Amino acid sequence: MTEVRVRFAPSPTGMFHVGGARTALFNWALAEQSGGRFVLRIEDTDASRNRPEWIEGIISALDWVGINGSNEVFEGPYFQSAYEPQHREAVAKLLADGRAYYCDCTRELLVARTGSEHRGYDGFCRDRGLTEGAVRFRTPDEGVTVVHDVVRGTVEFPNDAQEDFVIARTDGSPLYVLANAVDDITQNITHVIRGEEHLGNAAKQMLLWPALGATPPIWGHLPVIVNEQRKKLSKRRDKVALESYREEGYLAEAMVNYLMLLGWGPGDDREIMPWSEMVPLFKVEDVNSASAFFDEKKLRAFNGEYIRALPLETFEERCLPYLDPSWDRELFSKVAALAQTRIGVLSEIRQNVDFLFLEEPAFDQASWDKAMKNSPVEIITGYLARLDTVSWDPESLKQALEEVGTAQGLKLGKAQAPVRVAITGRTVGLPLFESIEVLGRVRTQERLRAALARLEG
């Protein structure tokens, strides 16, 4: 049985797109479940746009989602630029076999001949016998090119609608459509699973593979990922960089889980499931060809589920990059369990616990204005009076504030608003009375007195 060999072939021209991550994971799953190989190939031939940091970013992002050399399935990274001799040899073979020809037509000449800048190439140079210029592949005049796609079914491309496409520039350097095919042939790729924007290239490559003496791979073109306006995710408009989500505090496990469900599902009602359970169930044939909606709110919900499932010690460790190094780790540990149930991304940990470590709260003005409406002076003054003698535990602290609020005709929810903002600086956060317990009697009283001074000043 032929070994399954898939590849992921990104270009290092920008931040790593979540759509690319989805494609990589689908290929990784196919390679893992079949005992095959996953080839990472960096398509770096566009020297004007490539940057070393983008290459490092690709490798780092893939490593974050678990695609790396620690698994024997992984192979690479290879670099497309290293295969230039094979690319040039392929062009020479196609020329020698009469499957390609030189062309010196400019866009201006083509428009002058055809009368339209939108009309495809007219084959003018097919039989001119030129010995230099750009190189075009000789597309069959009749029949259809059929792409058997495991996601989209049978897709037909009439040959008379396909122009003789360019495969090499006048300087001999190959274009993407040729280089990509030659690399896949050289690396014995058996399955090409990629985004649907490459379906048109598949029609051309279905012609190139046999012309180069190779059997075409199994094709699978994955559905486009869209935003909530059902527009294709755009780097200019949407948050698409995987690195951005990593920096914000999304867990790799949650991101992997969510991306795997963009166009595919395990066939039951489960959504939260580990990689090890998804891999045996994954089938490219089950991928839906309809557009997949990237719902950041749903991703955040997934991330919250994964955060809450972490062992507490692990949660604390993962929070550390978002905390000030000078903050007392033991003090943080006292509220970590409370925070774990409330944050959706790790970066939110700081705003939930900073009140414990700052000399005074970082007041959010909107929160202050909202909370200080219902008898704030009376509430804070009354609560201060109780704090001298109250038992210092959450239930007693709560009961004391309830009694103060009742005296002012307020339920607990209204009564605790000015106290919460006076102590934490915000209207939302960790459970109030557990927070007061950790903050301590003296610091709590100091903050309430400072809030009174601010109100009366």
Protein backbone atom coordinates (compact mmCIF):
# COMPACT_ATOMS: atom_id res chain seq x y z
CA MET A 1 0.00 0.00 0.00
CA THR A 2 1.32 3.43 -0.97
CA GLU A 3 2.34 5.59 1.98
CA VAL A 4 0.12 8.63 2.44
CA ARG A 5 2.20 11.76 2.00
CA VAL A 6 0.55 15.14 2.52
CA ARG A 7 2.12 18.55 2.52
CA PHE A 8 1.55 22.01 3.87
CA ALA A 9 3.20 24.65 1.72
CA PRO A 10 2.85 28.21 3.09
CA SER A 11 4.59 31.30 1.71
CA PRO A 12 6.56 33.40 4.25
CA THR A 13 4.95 36.70 3.29
CA GLY A 14 3.09 37.66 6.47
CA MET A 15 1.59 36.56 9.75
CA PHE A 16 0.32 32.98 9.94
CA HIS A 17 -3.37 32.90 8.93
CA VAL A 18 -5.90 30.86 10.91
CA GLY A 19 -7.07 29.45 7.58
CA GLY A 20 -3.58 28.13 6.97
CA ALA A 21 -3.60 26.60 10.44
CA ARG A 22 -6.89 24.82 9.65
CA THR A 23 -5.42 23.43 6.41
CA ALA A 24 -2.28 22.28 8.23
CA LEU A 25 -4.31 20.52 10.94
CA PHE A 26 -6.50 18.68 8.43
CA ASN A 27 -3.36 17.44 6.68
CA TRP A 28 -1.72 16.56 10.01
CA ALA A 29 -4.76 14.54 11.06
CA LEU A 30 -4.77 12.63 7.77
CA ALA A 31 -1.05 11.86 8.09
CA GLU A 32 -1.35 10.74 11.72
CA GLN A 33 -4.33 8.45 11.25
CA SER A 34 -2.78 6.75 8.20
CA GLY A 35 0.73 6.43 9.61
CA GLY A 36 1.90 8.55 6.70
CA ARG A 37 4.04 11.66 6.48
CA PHE A 38 3.35 15.37 6.79
CA VAL A 39 5.75 17.45 4.69
CA LEU A 40 6.33 21.10 5.57
CA ARG A 41 7.51 23.01 2.53
CA ILE A 42 8.18 26.73 2.71
CA GLU A 43 7.43 28.29 -0.68
CA ASP A 44 10.07 31.00 -0.52
CA THR A 45 10.69 31.79 -4.18
CA ASP A 46 9.14 35.29 -4.02
CA ALA A 47 12.31 36.96 -2.74
CA SER A 48 10.79 40.45 -2.83
CA ARG A 49 8.15 39.53 -0.22
CA ASN A 50 9.84 36.83 1.87
CA ARG A 51 11.28 37.69 5.27
CA PRO A 52 13.16 35.41 7.67
CA GLU A 53 10.89 36.34 10.59
CA TRP A 54 7.85 35.11 8.64
CA ILE A 55 9.55 31.72 8.19
CA GLU A 56 10.26 31.58 11.91
CA GLY A 57 6.66 32.61 12.54
CA ILE A 58 5.30 29.74 10.44
CA ILE A 59 7.41 27.15 12.23
CA SER A 60 6.61 28.63 15.65
CA ALA A 61 2.86 28.79 14.96
CA LEU A 62 2.77 25.20 13.72
CA ASP A 63 4.72 24.09 16.77
CA TRP A 64 2.17 25.86 19.00
CA VAL A 65 -0.68 23.77 17.58
CA GLY A 66 1.35 20.58 17.91
CA ILE A 67 2.77 20.19 14.40
CA ASN A 68 6.50 19.66 14.82
CA GLY A 69 9.37 17.24 14.58
CA SER A 70 8.62 15.61 17.93
CA ASN A 71 6.24 13.38 15.98
CA GLU A 72 7.78 11.01 13.44
CA VAL A 73 4.96 11.93 11.04
CA PHE A 74 6.63 15.33 10.51
CA GLU A 75 9.11 15.89 7.68
CA GLY A 76 10.90 19.11 6.83
CA PRO A 77 10.99 21.99 6.63
CA TYR A 78 12.02 22.03 3.01
CA PHE A 79 12.42 25.20 0.98
CA GLN A 80 11.02 25.62 -2.51
CA SER A 81 14.02 27.71 -3.56
CA ALA A 82 16.21 24.61 -3.18
CA TYR A 83 14.26 22.90 -5.96
CA GLU A 84 14.94 25.47 -8.67
CA PRO A 85 17.09 23.03 -10.70
CA GLN A 86 14.16 20.59 -10.84
CA HIS A 87 11.84 23.42 -11.85
CA ARG A 88 14.08 24.41 -14.76
CA GLU A 89 14.49 20.78 -15.79
CA ALA A 90 10.71 20.39 -15.89
CA VAL A 91 10.36 23.47 -18.10
CA ALA A 92 13.06 22.11 -20.44
CA LYS A 93 11.29 18.73 -20.64
CA LEU A 94 7.94 20.31 -21.48
CA LEU A 95 9.59 22.43 -24.19
CA ALA A 96 11.42 19.42 -25.63
CA ASP A 97 8.24 17.34 -25.66
CA GLY A 98 6.28 20.06 -27.43
CA ARG A 99 4.01 20.52 -24.42
CA ALA A 100 5.20 24.09 -23.92
CA TYR A 101 6.50 26.95 -26.07
CA TYR A 102 8.15 30.32 -25.84
CA CYS A 103 6.06 33.46 -26.06
CA ASP A 104 7.11 37.10 -26.36
CA CYS A 105 3.63 38.63 -26.31
CA THR A 106 3.06 41.55 -23.99
CA ARG A 107 -0.29 42.38 -22.45
CA GLU A 108 -0.50 45.42 -24.74
CA LEU A 109 0.01 43.32 -27.89
CA LEU A 110 -2.57 40.78 -26.74
CA VAL A 111 -5.15 43.50 -26.11
CA ALA A 112 -4.38 45.04 -29.51
CA ARG A 113 -4.99 41.68 -31.22
CA THR A 114 -8.08 40.58 -29.32
CA GLY A 115 -9.62 43.95 -28.62
CA SER A 116 -10.20 43.09 -24.98
CA GLU A 117 -7.98 43.13 -21.92
CA HIS A 118 -10.23 40.52 -20.34
CA ARG A 119 -9.90 37.88 -23.06
CA GLY A 120 -7.49 35.02 -22.41
CA TYR A 121 -4.33 34.35 -24.36
CA ASP A 122 -5.07 33.64 -28.03
CA GLY A 123 -2.26 31.15 -28.75
CA PHE A 124 -0.47 33.53 -31.11
CA CYS A 125 3.02 32.16 -30.37
CA ARG A 126 2.14 28.46 -30.41
CA ASP A 127 3.77 27.75 -33.75
CA ARG A 128 6.17 30.66 -34.14
CA GLY A 129 9.18 28.58 -33.11
CA LEU A 130 10.59 31.18 -30.75
CA THR A 131 13.69 30.29 -28.74
CA GLU A 132 13.30 32.76 -25.89
CA GLY A 133 10.66 34.58 -23.90
CA ALA A 134 8.18 33.47 -21.28
CA VAL A 135 7.15 29.82 -21.44
CA ARG A 136 3.51 28.78 -21.86
CA PHE A 137 1.99 25.34 -21.42
CA ARG A 138 0.10 24.09 -24.47
CA THR A 139 -3.44 23.43 -23.21
CA PRO A 140 -5.50 20.89 -25.20
CA ASP A 141 -7.93 22.53 -27.61
CA GLU A 142 -10.78 20.11 -26.96
CA GLY A 143 -12.25 17.97 -24.20
CA VAL A 144 -12.37 18.66 -20.51
CA THR A 145 -9.94 18.47 -17.63
CA VAL A 146 -11.53 16.64 -14.74
CA VAL A 147 -10.55 17.17 -11.12
CA HIS A 148 -11.86 14.42 -8.85
CA ASP A 149 -12.07 16.27 -5.56
CA VAL A 150 -12.79 14.40 -2.33
CA VAL A 151 -14.52 17.48 -0.91
CA ARG A 152 -16.28 18.90 -3.96
CA GLY A 153 -16.87 15.84 -6.07
CA THR A 154 -16.14 15.83 -9.79
CA VAL A 155 -15.29 19.27 -11.15
CA GLU A 156 -14.92 19.73 -14.92
CA PHE A 157 -12.95 22.45 -16.68
CA PRO A 158 -13.58 22.74 -20.47
CA ASN A 159 -10.18 22.90 -22.15
CA ASP A 160 -11.31 25.48 -24.69
CA ALA A 161 -11.96 27.82 -21.76
CA GLN A 162 -8.43 27.43 -20.41
CA GLU A 163 -5.75 29.58 -21.98
CA ASP A 164 -2.19 28.46 -22.56
CA PHE A 165 -0.93 29.48 -19.14
CA VAL A 166 2.56 30.77 -18.34
CA ILE A 167 4.80 28.35 -16.42
CA ALA A 168 8.10 30.30 -16.50
CA ARG A 169 9.13 33.92 -16.80
CA THR A 170 11.46 35.29 -19.44
CA ASP A 171 14.41 34.85 -17.04
CA GLY A 172 13.59 31.16 -16.68
CA SER A 173 12.23 31.37 -13.15
CA PRO A 174 9.12 29.21 -12.65
CA LEU A 175 5.67 30.42 -11.73
CA TYR A 176 3.78 29.02 -8.77
CA VAL A 177 1.62 26.62 -10.76
CA LEU A 178 4.65 24.77 -12.16
CA ALA A 179 6.93 24.96 -9.12
CA ASN A 180 4.16 23.69 -6.88
CA ALA A 181 3.48 20.69 -9.12
CA VAL A 182 7.17 19.84 -9.53
CA ASP A 183 7.77 20.02 -5.79
CA ASP A 184 4.81 17.74 -5.10
CA ILE A 185 6.05 15.24 -7.67
CA THR A 186 9.62 15.38 -6.34
CA GLN A 187 8.44 14.85 -2.76
CA ASN A 188 6.07 12.01 -3.71
CA ILE A 189 3.00 13.80 -2.41
CA THR A 190 -0.07 11.56 -2.66
CA HIS A 191 -2.76 13.92 -1.30
CA VAL A 192 -3.04 17.66 -1.91
CA ILE A 193 -5.43 19.08 0.68
CA ARG A 194 -5.58 22.87 0.46
CA GLY A 195 -7.90 25.89 0.28
CA GLU A 196 -10.58 26.17 -2.37
CA GLU A 197 -8.88 29.22 -3.89
CA HIS A 198 -6.46 26.74 -5.48
CA LEU A 199 -9.14 24.74 -7.30
CA GLY A 200 -8.39 26.60 -10.55
CA ASN A 201 -4.71 25.71 -10.17
CA ALA A 202 -5.70 22.06 -9.80
CA ALA A 203 -7.11 22.13 -13.34
CA LYS A 204 -3.74 23.33 -14.65
CA GLN A 205 -1.79 20.92 -12.49
CA MET A 206 -3.94 18.02 -13.67
CA LEU A 207 -2.44 18.78 -17.08
CA LEU A 208 1.10 19.30 -15.79
CA TRP A 209 1.45 16.12 -13.71
CA PRO A 210 0.96 13.62 -16.57
CA ALA A 211 2.93 15.86 -18.92
CA LEU A 212 5.83 15.45 -16.47
CA GLY A 213 5.32 11.69 -16.31
CA ALA A 214 3.59 11.53 -12.93
CA THR A 215 0.21 10.37 -11.66
CA PRO A 216 -1.82 13.26 -10.20
CA PRO A 217 -2.50 13.20 -6.45
CA ILE A 218 -5.81 12.91 -4.65
CA TRP A 219 -7.25 16.41 -4.48
CA GLY A 220 -9.24 18.02 -1.68
CA HIS A 221 -10.10 21.71 -1.68
CA LEU A 222 -11.28 22.96 1.68
CA PRO A 223 -14.11 25.50 2.09
CA VAL A 224 -13.30 29.15 2.47
CA ILE A 225 -13.47 30.58 6.02
CA VAL A 226 -15.73 33.62 6.36
CA ASN A 227 -16.49 36.27 8.99
CA GLU A 228 -19.90 37.10 10.48
CA GLN A 229 -20.77 39.12 7.35
CA ARG A 230 -20.08 35.93 5.39
CA LYS A 231 -17.12 37.59 3.68
CA LYS A 232 -13.84 35.74 3.27
CA LEU A 233 -11.52 36.39 6.21
CA SER A 234 -9.20 39.22 5.24
CA LYS A 235 -5.90 40.28 6.77
CA ARG A 236 -6.90 43.89 6.20
CA ARG A 237 -10.30 43.61 7.89
CA ASP A 238 -10.35 40.67 10.32
CA LYS A 239 -8.21 39.30 13.12
CA VAL A 240 -6.72 36.35 11.28
CA ALA A 241 -3.17 35.95 12.60
CA LEU A 242 -2.76 32.83 14.72
CA GLU A 243 -0.03 34.65 16.66
CA SER A 244 -2.57 37.28 17.78
CA TYR A 245 -4.75 34.64 19.39
CA ARG A 246 -1.77 33.00 21.04
CA GLU A 247 -0.61 36.32 22.50
CA GLU A 248 -4.12 37.13 23.71
CA GLY A 249 -4.15 33.97 25.77
CA TYR A 250 -6.02 31.40 23.75
CA LEU A 251 -4.92 27.87 24.58
CA ALA A 252 -3.46 25.81 21.77
CA GLU A 253 -5.75 22.90 22.68
CA ALA A 254 -8.84 25.10 22.31
CA MET A 255 -7.65 26.60 19.03
CA VAL A 256 -6.91 23.18 17.55
CA ASN A 257 -10.30 21.86 18.63
CA TYR A 258 -12.12 24.85 17.15
CA LEU A 259 -10.21 24.95 13.85
CA MET A 260 -10.83 21.26 13.26
CA LEU A 261 -14.57 21.95 13.35
CA LEU A 262 -14.44 24.60 10.61
CA GLY A 263 -15.95 22.52 7.84
CA TRP A 264 -15.78 19.13 9.54
CA GLY A 265 -17.47 17.45 12.49
CA PRO A 266 -17.16 14.08 14.25
CA GLY A 267 -20.71 13.12 13.34
CA ASP A 268 -22.31 13.48 16.77
CA ASP A 269 -23.26 16.38 19.02
CA ARG A 270 -19.84 16.66 20.65
CA GLU A 271 -17.77 19.74 20.02
CA ILE A 272 -15.29 19.90 22.89
CA MET A 273 -12.95 16.98 22.28
CA PRO A 274 -9.19 16.42 22.41
CA TRP A 275 -7.00 15.93 19.37
CA SER A 276 -6.45 12.26 20.18
CA GLU A 277 -10.18 11.62 19.78
CA MET A 278 -10.61 13.69 16.63
CA VAL A 279 -7.83 12.07 14.61
CA PRO A 280 -9.36 8.58 14.29
CA LEU A 281 -12.71 10.10 13.30
CA PHE A 282 -11.43 12.60 10.74
CA LYS A 283 -12.21 11.98 7.07
CA VAL A 284 -11.48 14.48 4.33
CA GLU A 285 -14.51 13.07 2.49
CA ASP A 286 -16.71 14.32 5.34
CA VAL A 287 -15.58 17.93 5.01
CA ASN A 288 -18.47 20.19 4.03
CA SER A 289 -17.87 22.22 0.87
CA ALA A 290 -19.94 25.16 2.18
CA SER A 291 -18.19 28.19 3.66
CA ALA A 292 -17.11 27.83 7.29
CA PHE A 293 -17.94 30.67 9.70
CA PHE A 294 -15.10 31.73 11.99
CA ASP A 295 -17.05 32.70 15.08
CA GLU A 296 -14.68 34.36 17.55
CA LYS A 297 -17.35 34.28 20.28
CA LYS A 298 -17.62 30.53 19.92
CA LEU A 299 -13.84 30.18 19.93
CA ARG A 300 -13.76 32.18 23.14
CA ALA A 301 -16.37 29.87 24.66
CA PHE A 302 -14.24 26.88 23.66
CA ASN A 303 -11.23 28.52 25.25
CA GLY A 304 -13.13 29.14 28.47
CA GLU A 305 -14.04 25.46 28.63
CA TYR A 306 -10.41 24.45 28.20
CA ILE A 307 -9.22 26.97 30.77
CA ARG A 308 -11.66 25.63 33.35
CA ALA A 309 -10.52 22.08 32.64
CA LEU A 310 -6.87 22.84 33.43
CA PRO A 311 -5.41 21.56 36.71
CA LEU A 312 -5.16 24.60 38.99
CA GLU A 313 -1.37 24.49 39.13
CA THR A 314 -1.20 24.39 35.33
CA PHE A 315 -3.62 27.29 35.10
CA GLU A 316 -1.42 29.35 37.41
CA GLU A 317 1.67 28.58 35.34
CA ARG A 318 -0.06 29.58 32.10
CA CYS A 319 -1.18 32.87 33.66
CA LEU A 320 2.32 33.92 34.67
CA PRO A 321 3.28 35.59 31.34
CA TYR A 322 0.33 37.96 31.79
CA LEU A 323 1.18 38.95 35.36
CA ASP A 324 3.76 41.40 36.64
CA PRO A 325 6.86 39.43 37.72
CA SER A 326 6.99 41.44 40.94
CA TRP A 327 3.56 40.28 42.08
CA ASP A 328 3.44 37.82 44.97
CA ARG A 329 2.89 34.33 43.55
CA GLU A 330 1.46 33.01 46.82
CA LEU A 331 -1.08 35.83 46.96
CA PHE A 332 -2.09 35.12 43.37
CA SER A 333 -2.56 31.46 44.23
CA LYS A 334 -5.19 32.43 46.80
CA VAL A 335 -7.50 33.77 44.05
CA ALA A 336 -6.40 31.68 41.08
CA ALA A 337 -9.24 29.19 41.45
CA LEU A 338 -11.76 32.04 41.54
CA ALA A 339 -10.31 33.59 38.39
CA GLN A 340 -10.16 30.29 36.52
CA THR A 341 -13.95 30.09 36.39
CA ARG A 342 -14.38 33.62 35.07
CA ILE A 343 -11.92 34.39 32.31
CA GLY A 344 -12.29 33.49 28.65
CA VAL A 345 -8.67 34.17 27.63
CA LEU A 346 -5.55 34.18 29.77
CA SER A 347 -4.77 37.86 29.14
CA GLU A 348 -7.88 38.76 31.17
CA ILE A 349 -6.25 37.44 34.33
CA ARG A 350 -4.41 40.71 34.96
CA GLN A 351 -7.50 42.92 35.12
CA ASN A 352 -9.16 40.39 37.43
CA VAL A 353 -6.41 40.25 40.04
CA ASP A 354 -4.42 43.48 39.75
CA PHE A 355 -6.38 45.06 42.65
CA LEU A 356 -4.55 42.70 45.01
CA PHE A 357 -1.12 43.99 44.06
CA LEU A 358 -1.61 47.70 43.35
CA GLU A 359 -1.39 50.32 46.09
CA GLU A 360 -4.75 51.62 44.93
CA PRO A 361 -7.22 50.28 42.36
CA ALA A 362 -6.87 51.21 38.71
CA PHE A 363 -10.25 52.91 38.52
CA ASP A 364 -12.26 52.55 35.34
CA GLN A 365 -14.16 55.85 35.13
CA ALA A 366 -17.19 54.33 33.45
CA SER A 367 -17.41 51.71 36.20
CA TRP A 368 -17.08 54.41 38.88
CA ASP A 369 -19.82 56.55 37.34
CA LYS A 370 -22.14 53.56 36.99
CA ALA A 371 -21.64 52.22 40.52
CA MET A 372 -21.68 55.46 42.49
CA LYS A 373 -25.37 56.25 42.00
CA ASN A 374 -27.37 54.50 44.73
CA SER A 375 -26.46 56.03 48.11
CA PRO A 376 -22.72 55.25 47.73
CA VAL A 377 -21.63 57.36 50.71
CA GLU A 378 -24.18 55.76 53.01
CA ILE A 379 -23.36 52.24 51.79
CA ILE A 380 -19.59 52.64 52.11
CA THR A 381 -19.81 54.44 55.46
CA GLY A 382 -22.16 51.80 56.87
CA TYR A 383 -20.01 48.96 55.63
CA LEU A 384 -16.85 50.51 57.04
CA ALA A 385 -18.49 50.63 60.44
CA ARG A 386 -19.21 46.91 60.29
CA LEU A 387 -15.74 45.88 59.13
CA ASP A 388 -14.06 46.65 62.44
CA THR A 389 -15.75 43.75 64.18
CA VAL A 390 -17.13 41.42 61.49
CA SER A 391 -15.76 37.89 61.27
CA TRP A 392 -13.34 37.87 58.32
CA ASP A 393 -14.87 35.21 56.06
CA PRO A 394 -16.94 35.55 52.85
CA GLU A 395 -20.30 34.66 54.37
CA SER A 396 -19.97 37.11 57.27
CA LEU A 397 -18.70 39.85 54.95
CA LYS A 398 -21.66 39.27 52.66
CA GLN A 399 -24.18 39.31 55.48
CA ALA A 400 -22.80 42.58 56.79
CA LEU A 401 -23.23 44.29 53.43
CA GLU A 402 -26.71 42.84 52.98
CA GLU A 403 -27.74 44.46 56.28
CA VAL A 404 -26.25 47.80 55.25
CA GLY A 405 -28.05 47.64 51.91
CA THR A 406 -31.38 46.72 53.54
CA ALA A 407 -31.11 49.81 55.73
CA GLN A 408 -30.89 51.90 52.56
CA GLY A 409 -33.69 50.00 50.81
CA LEU A 410 -31.29 48.26 48.43
CA LYS A 411 -30.86 44.61 47.51
CA LEU A 412 -27.38 43.12 47.70
CA GLY A 413 -26.70 43.52 43.98
CA LYS A 414 -27.16 47.29 44.20
CA ALA A 415 -25.47 47.62 47.55
CA GLN A 416 -22.29 45.83 46.55
CA ALA A 417 -21.69 47.87 43.38
CA PRO A 418 -20.02 50.89 45.06
CA VAL A 419 -18.08 48.61 47.40
CA ARG A 420 -16.78 46.49 44.52
CA VAL A 421 -15.62 49.50 42.52
CA ALA A 422 -14.06 51.12 45.61
CA ILE A 423 -12.03 47.94 46.23
CA THR A 424 -11.26 46.63 42.73
CA GLY A 425 -11.78 49.65 40.47
CA ARG A 426 -14.25 47.79 38.23
CA THR A 427 -17.89 46.71 38.20
CA VAL A 428 -17.08 43.12 37.26
CA GLY A 429 -14.45 40.73 38.51
CA LEU A 430 -13.86 37.95 40.99
CA PRO A 431 -16.45 37.10 43.66
CA LEU A 432 -16.50 40.19 45.86
CA PHE A 433 -16.48 38.74 49.35
CA GLU A 434 -13.81 36.15 48.60
CA SER A 435 -11.75 39.02 47.16
CA ILE A 436 -12.23 41.12 50.30
CA GLU A 437 -11.17 38.16 52.44
CA VAL A 438 -7.88 37.84 50.53
CA LEU A 439 -7.27 41.59 50.40
CA GLY A 440 -7.46 41.75 54.19
CA ARG A 441 -9.18 43.97 56.76
CA VAL A 442 -6.69 46.86 56.79
CA ARG A 443 -6.34 47.25 53.01
CA THR A 444 -10.08 46.91 52.49
CA GLN A 445 -10.79 49.67 54.98
CA GLU A 446 -8.12 51.89 53.43
CA ARG A 447 -9.73 51.57 50.01
CA LEU A 448 -13.20 52.27 51.27
CA ARG A 449 -11.95 55.41 53.06
CA ALA A 450 -10.15 56.51 49.88
CA ALA A 451 -13.37 56.03 47.91
CA LEU A 452 -15.27 58.17 50.42
CA ALA A 453 -12.67 60.92 50.08
CA ARG A 454 -13.02 60.78 46.31
CA LEU A 455 -16.80 60.97 46.54
CA GLU A 456 -16.74 63.85 48.98
CA GLY A 457 -13.93 65.70 47.27
